[in-house]
Amino acid sequence: MSARNKPNPASDDSKSLGKLALRLAAVALAVAMMVLGAVYLHYRSYVRSPVLEEGESVTLVIPKNTAWPQVVSILERADLVRRSTYFEYWARRRHLPPAVKAGTYELSGPLGLPELASKLREGGKVDETVVTFPEGLTIFHMADRVERLGLASRDEFLRAARDKQALQKAGIDADSFEGYLFPDTYRFRKGTSAAKIVERMHGRWKVIWMALEKQHAERKKALAEKYEFDRHDFVTLASLVERETSADGERDLIARVFLNRLDRDMRLQTDPTCVYGEETYDKVPRPKYCKDKLNRYSTYVIDGLPPGPIANPGRGSLQAALDPSDEEDAKGYLFFVARRDGTMRHYFSKTFAEHKKAIRRFLK
């Protein structure tokens, strides 16, 4: 036998090992395919299963600016996502992560993944509180209302309304934002800080004031020169008007009466100034408040305007301060008294004798 025809053990072993490797690879591939198939079937079963069964419900809250990993965690805690890996794969294939909107979701079954994704794209209802601040409220009344609605505590609101840094930023040289918070209906998200509430209300005030200031620029300039009024004085005058009347048709007359009295060096003697302050804002004006010589707001004991606004005036009163009545009769009015006839209006007089008759007529 020649050397060429002799069997080669090493070659036979190599072939055997190669065949074994192929068999093992085939087995591994088959196992892998079986595993992948099982995983796929499990995945398909998962994505087709409802996340909420018939009769089940859940409330879901996704805060504003919540990142996707936190959204998944919220869904897991609500037991809406039981296989986060499957859900991540399913959601990313559908570009869901950047599309989720914040809000409060009231979900009820039966609900599947496609419906859940659709709702997350639409966004839940925003958890907001609607609050209306009528014209003429003081910051103390507003603080009470904010606390009652659960937006912020009374103390938090008053601190924000008196914040020196915020006042300086707003260009207000005063002790508080009194007079500079516009009365209106607002929507605030739950958790909104008192500082943000004040900032929003003042922002609304600025818009209204700037529009009125532009509309009555010439008149404002003339009044400012005659009475040496600055912006704070105009807002203070508007607050007096607001506290004296709610009748739109006579706000400009009330403003004119106050200016007429200033022209004659008469004290304004307007009752609402007697009870301005944290301790007295909810009191009825009485002589003990009006004649208190230590009351720096009472226009019965001080000359001219009080040191600042006594309430937050609305658009009509701000306009009246900038554009008081110029009617000939109005220029002679020095007094007014509530008619108390259901009209919410006043009777205006030019003399004290006439005013006393009006008091007997309407108040006795």
Protein backbone atom coordinates (compact mmCIF):
# COMPACT_ATOMS: atom_id res chain seq x y z
CA MET A 1 0.00 0.00 0.00
CA SER A 2 1.38 3.39 -0.97
CA ALA A 3 1.70 6.26 1.46
CA ARG A 4 -0.98 8.14 -0.50
CA ASN A 5 -3.58 5.47 0.09
CA LYS A 6 -3.02 5.22 3.82
CA PRO A 7 -5.91 6.57 5.95
CA ASN A 8 -5.37 10.02 7.57
CA PRO A 9 -6.79 10.00 11.11
CA ALA A 10 -6.38 13.79 11.50
CA SER A 11 -8.40 14.44 8.35
CA ASP A 12 -11.17 12.10 9.44
CA ASP A 13 -11.32 13.78 12.85
CA SER A 14 -11.50 17.20 11.21
CA LYS A 15 -14.40 16.13 9.03
CA SER A 16 -16.20 14.62 12.01
CA LEU A 17 -15.75 17.81 14.00
CA GLY A 18 -17.00 19.86 11.09
CA LYS A 19 -20.11 17.73 10.78
CA LEU A 20 -20.67 17.94 14.53
CA ALA A 21 -20.31 21.71 14.44
CA LEU A 22 -22.83 21.92 11.62
CA ARG A 23 -25.24 19.73 13.55
CA LEU A 24 -24.81 21.81 16.69
CA ALA A 25 -25.26 25.03 14.72
CA ALA A 26 -28.40 23.62 13.15
CA VAL A 27 -29.69 22.61 16.56
CA ALA A 28 -28.78 26.04 18.02
CA LEU A 29 -30.46 27.78 15.13
CA ALA A 30 -33.52 25.62 15.52
CA VAL A 31 -33.61 26.32 19.24
CA ALA A 32 -33.09 30.02 18.58
CA MET A 33 -35.86 30.00 16.02
CA MET A 34 -38.11 28.18 18.46
CA VAL A 35 -37.23 30.70 21.20
CA LEU A 36 -37.73 33.64 18.90
CA GLY A 37 -40.95 32.13 17.68
CA ALA A 38 -42.12 31.66 21.24
CA VAL A 39 -41.10 35.20 22.14
CA TYR A 40 -42.87 36.56 19.08
CA LEU A 41 -46.00 34.62 19.87
CA HIS A 42 -45.80 35.86 23.45
CA TYR A 43 -45.26 39.43 22.21
CA ARG A 44 -48.20 39.13 19.83
CA SER A 45 -50.34 37.79 22.63
CA TYR A 46 -49.28 40.70 24.84
CA VAL A 47 -50.01 43.48 22.34
CA ARG A 48 -53.40 41.94 21.56
CA SER A 49 -54.42 41.62 25.21
CA PRO A 50 -56.46 44.40 26.81
CA VAL A 51 -54.65 46.61 29.29
CA LEU A 52 -58.01 47.13 31.01
CA GLU A 53 -60.74 44.54 31.11
CA GLU A 54 -64.44 45.25 30.86
CA GLY A 55 -65.60 47.03 34.00
CA GLU A 56 -62.11 48.12 35.08
CA SER A 57 -61.14 51.79 35.32
CA VAL A 58 -58.14 53.81 36.36
CA THR A 59 -57.22 57.47 36.75
CA LEU A 60 -53.85 58.34 35.30
CA VAL A 61 -51.96 61.60 35.84
CA ILE A 62 -49.05 62.54 33.60
CA PRO A 63 -47.50 65.83 34.73
CA LYS A 64 -46.30 68.42 32.27
CA ASN A 65 -42.77 67.87 30.85
CA THR A 66 -42.64 64.22 31.99
CA ALA A 67 -39.88 62.31 30.17
CA TRP A 68 -40.70 59.03 28.42
CA PRO A 69 -39.02 56.70 31.00
CA GLN A 70 -41.15 58.33 33.72
CA VAL A 71 -44.26 57.92 31.54
CA VAL A 72 -43.53 54.18 31.31
CA SER A 73 -43.05 54.06 35.11
CA ILE A 74 -46.41 55.81 35.62
CA LEU A 75 -48.10 53.30 33.31
CA GLU A 76 -46.43 50.42 35.16
CA ARG A 77 -47.58 51.70 38.55
CA ALA A 78 -51.11 51.93 37.18
CA ASP A 79 -50.74 48.27 36.03
CA LEU A 80 -51.34 49.31 32.43
CA VAL A 81 -47.91 48.09 31.34
CA ARG A 82 -46.93 44.62 32.56
CA ARG A 83 -44.11 43.91 30.11
CA SER A 84 -42.11 47.11 29.80
CA THR A 85 -39.68 45.64 27.22
CA TYR A 86 -42.52 44.59 24.94
CA PHE A 87 -44.27 47.90 25.47
CA GLU A 88 -41.12 49.92 24.76
CA TYR A 89 -40.58 48.05 21.48
CA TRP A 90 -44.23 48.37 20.47
CA ALA A 91 -44.43 52.08 21.40
CA ARG A 92 -41.18 53.13 19.73
CA ARG A 93 -42.16 51.43 16.47
CA ARG A 94 -45.23 53.67 16.51
CA HIS A 95 -43.31 56.84 17.49
CA LEU A 96 -45.35 57.19 20.66
CA PRO A 97 -42.70 58.55 23.13
CA PRO A 98 -42.51 62.11 21.75
CA ALA A 99 -46.27 62.28 21.19
CA VAL A 100 -47.51 61.71 24.77
CA LYS A 101 -49.37 64.71 26.22
CA ALA A 102 -49.71 65.68 29.85
CA GLY A 103 -53.00 65.65 31.70
CA THR A 104 -55.38 63.62 33.80
CA TYR A 105 -56.76 60.52 32.06
CA GLU A 106 -59.95 58.76 33.11
CA LEU A 107 -59.54 55.34 31.48
CA SER A 108 -62.05 52.49 31.46
CA GLY A 109 -62.11 49.03 29.93
CA PRO A 110 -62.17 47.30 27.63
CA LEU A 111 -59.03 49.13 26.51
CA GLY A 112 -56.20 47.79 24.35
CA LEU A 113 -52.75 49.15 23.61
CA PRO A 114 -53.84 50.93 20.38
CA GLU A 115 -56.63 52.74 22.26
CA LEU A 116 -54.28 53.59 25.13
CA ALA A 117 -51.74 55.02 22.67
CA SER A 118 -54.47 57.05 20.96
CA LYS A 119 -55.58 58.57 24.26
CA LEU A 120 -51.99 59.37 25.24
CA ARG A 121 -51.58 61.22 21.95
CA GLU A 122 -54.82 63.15 22.43
CA GLY A 123 -53.94 64.24 25.95
CA GLY A 124 -55.93 64.00 29.14
CA LYS A 125 -58.06 66.69 30.64
CA VAL A 126 -56.01 69.43 32.28
CA ASP A 127 -56.44 69.52 36.04
CA GLU A 128 -57.38 73.17 36.35
CA THR A 129 -59.23 75.35 38.80
CA VAL A 130 -61.36 78.19 37.48
CA VAL A 131 -61.40 81.26 39.72
CA THR A 132 -63.26 84.52 39.20
CA PHE A 133 -62.09 87.70 40.90
CA PRO A 134 -64.83 90.36 40.68
CA GLU A 135 -63.93 94.03 40.39
CA GLY A 136 -63.19 95.79 43.66
CA LEU A 137 -61.65 92.96 45.67
CA THR A 138 -58.64 93.73 47.84
CA ILE A 139 -55.63 91.43 47.94
CA PHE A 140 -57.05 90.16 51.25
CA HIS A 141 -60.33 89.13 49.62
CA MET A 142 -58.36 87.51 46.81
CA ALA A 143 -56.19 85.61 49.30
CA ASP A 144 -59.32 84.25 50.97
CA ARG A 145 -60.70 83.10 47.62
CA VAL A 146 -57.45 81.46 46.49
CA GLU A 147 -57.21 79.53 49.75
CA ARG A 148 -60.87 78.49 49.64
CA LEU A 149 -60.37 76.98 46.17
CA GLY A 150 -57.25 75.11 47.30
CA LEU A 151 -54.87 76.90 44.93
CA ALA A 152 -52.57 78.31 47.62
CA SER A 153 -52.73 79.28 51.24
CA ARG A 154 -53.84 82.76 52.23
CA ASP A 155 -50.40 83.54 53.67
CA GLU A 156 -48.64 82.35 50.50
CA PHE A 157 -50.78 84.59 48.32
CA LEU A 158 -50.25 87.66 50.53
CA ARG A 159 -46.49 87.03 50.62
CA ALA A 160 -46.46 86.87 46.82
CA ALA A 161 -48.59 90.02 46.57
CA ARG A 162 -46.11 91.85 48.82
CA ASP A 163 -42.90 90.43 47.40
CA LYS A 164 -40.46 93.34 47.15
CA GLN A 165 -38.37 91.76 44.40
CA ALA A 166 -41.44 91.04 42.26
CA LEU A 167 -42.72 94.59 42.83
CA GLN A 168 -39.38 96.05 41.83
CA LYS A 169 -39.30 93.89 38.70
CA ALA A 170 -42.81 95.08 37.82
CA GLY A 171 -41.81 98.72 38.34
CA ILE A 172 -44.31 99.27 41.16
CA ASP A 173 -43.15 101.55 43.95
CA ALA A 174 -45.59 100.34 46.60
CA ASP A 175 -45.99 97.91 49.48
CA SER A 176 -48.01 95.42 47.46
CA PHE A 177 -49.65 94.64 44.11
CA GLU A 178 -52.92 96.12 45.41
CA GLY A 179 -54.60 97.82 42.48
CA TYR A 180 -52.35 96.09 39.94
CA LEU A 181 -54.03 92.66 39.80
CA PHE A 182 -56.69 92.62 37.11
CA PRO A 183 -60.09 91.27 38.16
CA ASP A 184 -61.11 88.56 35.70
CA THR A 185 -61.79 84.84 35.34
CA TYR A 186 -58.63 82.76 35.29
CA ARG A 187 -57.75 79.09 34.90
CA PHE A 188 -54.88 77.85 37.02
CA ARG A 189 -53.40 74.37 37.05
CA LYS A 190 -53.39 72.58 40.37
CA GLY A 191 -50.04 73.23 41.99
CA THR A 192 -49.58 76.70 40.46
CA SER A 193 -47.59 78.78 42.93
CA ALA A 194 -49.00 81.92 44.52
CA ALA A 195 -46.19 83.87 42.85
CA LYS A 196 -47.31 82.63 39.42
CA ILE A 197 -50.92 83.54 40.18
CA VAL A 198 -49.91 87.10 41.08
CA GLU A 199 -47.62 87.32 38.05
CA ARG A 200 -50.40 86.17 35.71
CA MET A 201 -52.94 88.62 37.16
CA HIS A 202 -50.50 91.50 36.96
CA GLY A 203 -49.60 90.54 33.40
CA ARG A 204 -53.27 90.82 32.48
CA TRP A 205 -53.46 94.18 34.26
CA LYS A 206 -50.52 95.50 32.22
CA VAL A 207 -52.22 94.60 28.94
CA ILE A 208 -55.43 96.40 29.94
CA TRP A 209 -53.63 99.43 31.39
CA MET A 210 -51.38 99.93 28.38
CA ALA A 211 -54.35 99.82 26.02
CA LEU A 212 -56.31 102.36 28.08
CA GLU A 213 -53.26 104.56 28.54
CA LYS A 214 -52.76 104.66 24.78
CA GLN A 215 -56.47 105.30 24.14
CA HIS A 216 -56.59 108.23 26.60
CA ALA A 217 -53.02 109.52 26.21
CA GLU A 218 -53.90 113.20 25.80
CA ARG A 219 -56.43 113.24 28.61
CA LYS A 220 -54.06 111.41 30.92
CA LYS A 221 -51.30 113.90 30.18
CA ALA A 222 -53.57 116.87 30.96
CA LEU A 223 -54.80 115.35 34.23
CA ALA A 224 -51.27 114.36 35.25
CA GLU A 225 -50.09 117.94 34.78
CA LYS A 226 -53.04 119.52 36.56
CA TYR A 227 -53.12 117.20 39.59
CA GLU A 228 -49.48 116.08 39.55
CA PHE A 229 -50.65 112.49 39.18
CA ASP A 230 -48.36 109.61 38.38
CA ARG A 231 -49.51 106.11 37.43
CA HIS A 232 -49.94 105.11 41.07
CA ASP A 233 -52.28 108.06 41.65
CA PHE A 234 -54.45 107.15 38.67
CA VAL A 235 -54.72 103.55 39.88
CA THR A 236 -55.53 104.77 43.39
CA LEU A 237 -58.29 107.03 42.04
CA ALA A 238 -59.64 104.11 39.98
CA SER A 239 -59.77 101.94 43.09
CA LEU A 240 -61.87 104.57 44.90
CA VAL A 241 -64.27 104.67 41.96
CA GLU A 242 -64.47 100.88 41.92
CA ARG A 243 -65.32 100.65 45.61
CA GLU A 244 -68.01 103.31 45.34
CA THR A 245 -69.98 102.05 42.34
CA SER A 246 -70.61 99.02 40.19
CA ALA A 247 -72.75 100.96 37.69
CA ASP A 248 -70.83 101.44 34.44
CA GLY A 249 -72.78 104.53 33.48
CA GLU A 250 -71.65 106.60 36.45
CA ARG A 251 -68.04 105.64 37.04
CA ASP A 252 -66.82 108.72 35.17
CA LEU A 253 -69.15 110.88 37.32
CA ILE A 254 -67.76 109.42 40.55
CA ALA A 255 -64.22 110.11 39.30
CA ARG A 256 -65.22 113.68 38.49
CA VAL A 257 -66.64 114.23 42.02
CA PHE A 258 -63.32 113.20 43.57
CA LEU A 259 -61.42 115.55 41.26
CA ASN A 260 -63.88 118.37 41.97
CA ARG A 261 -63.23 117.96 45.68
CA LEU A 262 -59.46 117.99 45.12
CA ASP A 263 -59.92 121.22 43.13
CA ARG A 264 -61.56 122.79 46.17
CA ASP A 265 -59.13 121.35 48.74
CA MET A 266 -61.92 119.26 50.22
CA ARG A 267 -61.23 115.91 51.81
CA LEU A 268 -62.56 113.06 49.69
CA GLN A 269 -64.48 111.47 52.60
CA THR A 270 -65.15 108.19 50.84
CA ASP A 271 -66.24 105.45 53.25
CA PRO A 272 -64.41 102.45 51.70
CA THR A 273 -61.05 104.03 52.59
CA CYS A 274 -61.97 103.76 56.28
CA VAL A 275 -61.78 99.97 56.31
CA TYR A 276 -58.87 99.26 54.00
CA GLY A 277 -56.32 96.97 55.66
CA GLU A 278 -55.74 93.39 56.68
CA GLU A 279 -57.57 93.78 59.98
CA THR A 280 -60.57 95.72 58.66
CA TYR A 281 -61.10 94.78 54.99
CA ASP A 282 -64.23 92.75 55.86
CA LYS A 283 -65.69 95.38 58.22
CA VAL A 284 -68.51 97.85 57.61
CA PRO A 285 -67.29 101.49 57.55
CA ARG A 286 -68.14 103.11 60.87
CA PRO A 287 -67.13 106.39 62.53
CA LYS A 288 -64.60 104.61 64.75
CA TYR A 289 -62.69 103.57 61.61
CA CYS A 290 -63.30 106.73 59.58
CA LYS A 291 -62.26 109.13 62.36
CA ASP A 292 -59.29 107.13 63.58
CA LYS A 293 -56.39 109.59 63.32
CA LEU A 294 -53.95 106.71 63.01
CA ASN A 295 -55.74 105.35 59.94
CA ARG A 296 -53.48 106.49 57.13
CA TYR A 297 -56.01 105.43 54.48
CA SER A 298 -59.13 107.14 55.84
CA THR A 299 -59.95 110.10 53.62
CA TYR A 300 -61.90 111.56 56.51
CA VAL A 301 -58.64 112.32 58.36
CA ILE A 302 -56.11 112.68 55.52
CA ASP A 303 -55.94 115.19 52.68
CA GLY A 304 -55.95 114.12 49.06
CA LEU A 305 -55.74 110.56 47.83
CA PRO A 306 -54.87 107.69 50.18
CA PRO A 307 -51.26 106.41 49.96
CA GLY A 308 -52.22 103.67 47.54
CA PRO A 309 -55.07 101.73 45.93
CA ILE A 310 -57.70 100.30 48.27
CA ALA A 311 -58.83 97.56 45.85
CA ASN A 312 -58.21 96.14 42.41
CA PRO A 313 -60.24 98.12 39.85
CA GLY A 314 -61.60 96.76 36.60
CA ARG A 315 -61.39 98.22 33.12
CA GLY A 316 -64.33 100.61 33.59
CA SER A 317 -62.92 102.25 36.71
CA LEU A 318 -59.41 102.50 35.26
CA GLN A 319 -60.91 104.21 32.24
CA ALA A 320 -62.95 106.56 34.45
CA ALA A 321 -59.79 107.65 36.25
CA LEU A 322 -58.11 108.41 32.93
CA ASP A 323 -61.21 109.97 31.36
CA PRO A 324 -63.55 111.45 34.01
CA SER A 325 -66.81 113.11 32.98
CA ASP A 326 -66.51 116.57 31.43
CA GLU A 327 -70.22 117.35 31.39
CA GLU A 328 -71.04 120.84 32.67
CA ASP A 329 -73.30 119.55 35.46
CA ALA A 330 -70.71 117.00 36.52
CA LYS A 331 -68.11 119.73 37.02
CA GLY A 332 -70.22 121.08 39.90
CA TYR A 333 -70.94 117.79 41.69
CA LEU A 334 -69.32 117.47 45.12
CA PHE A 335 -71.45 114.82 46.81
CA PHE A 336 -73.26 111.59 46.00
CA VAL A 337 -75.45 109.15 47.89
CA ALA A 338 -76.69 105.66 47.01
CA ARG A 339 -80.26 105.67 45.74
CA ARG A 340 -81.01 102.23 47.20
CA ASP A 341 -83.74 101.72 44.64
CA GLY A 342 -82.33 98.62 43.03
CA THR A 343 -80.51 100.47 40.25
CA MET A 344 -77.12 100.42 42.05
CA ARG A 345 -76.79 104.08 41.07
CA HIS A 346 -76.22 107.29 43.04
CA TYR A 347 -77.81 110.70 43.37
CA PHE A 348 -75.35 113.55 42.78
CA SER A 349 -75.46 116.95 44.50
CA LYS A 350 -73.64 120.26 44.14
CA THR A 351 -74.20 121.61 47.64
CA PHE A 352 -74.13 120.14 51.12
CA ALA A 353 -77.71 121.30 51.73
CA GLU A 354 -78.87 119.41 48.66
CA HIS A 355 -76.82 116.39 49.74
CA LYS A 356 -78.52 116.34 53.18
CA LYS A 357 -81.91 116.35 51.49
CA ALA A 358 -80.82 113.43 49.31
CA ILE A 359 -79.70 111.51 52.39
CA ARG A 360 -83.08 112.02 54.03
CA ARG A 361 -84.79 110.97 50.81
CA PHE A 362 -82.81 107.83 50.03
CA LEU A 363 -81.40 106.61 53.35
CA LYS A 364 -84.03 107.44 55.93
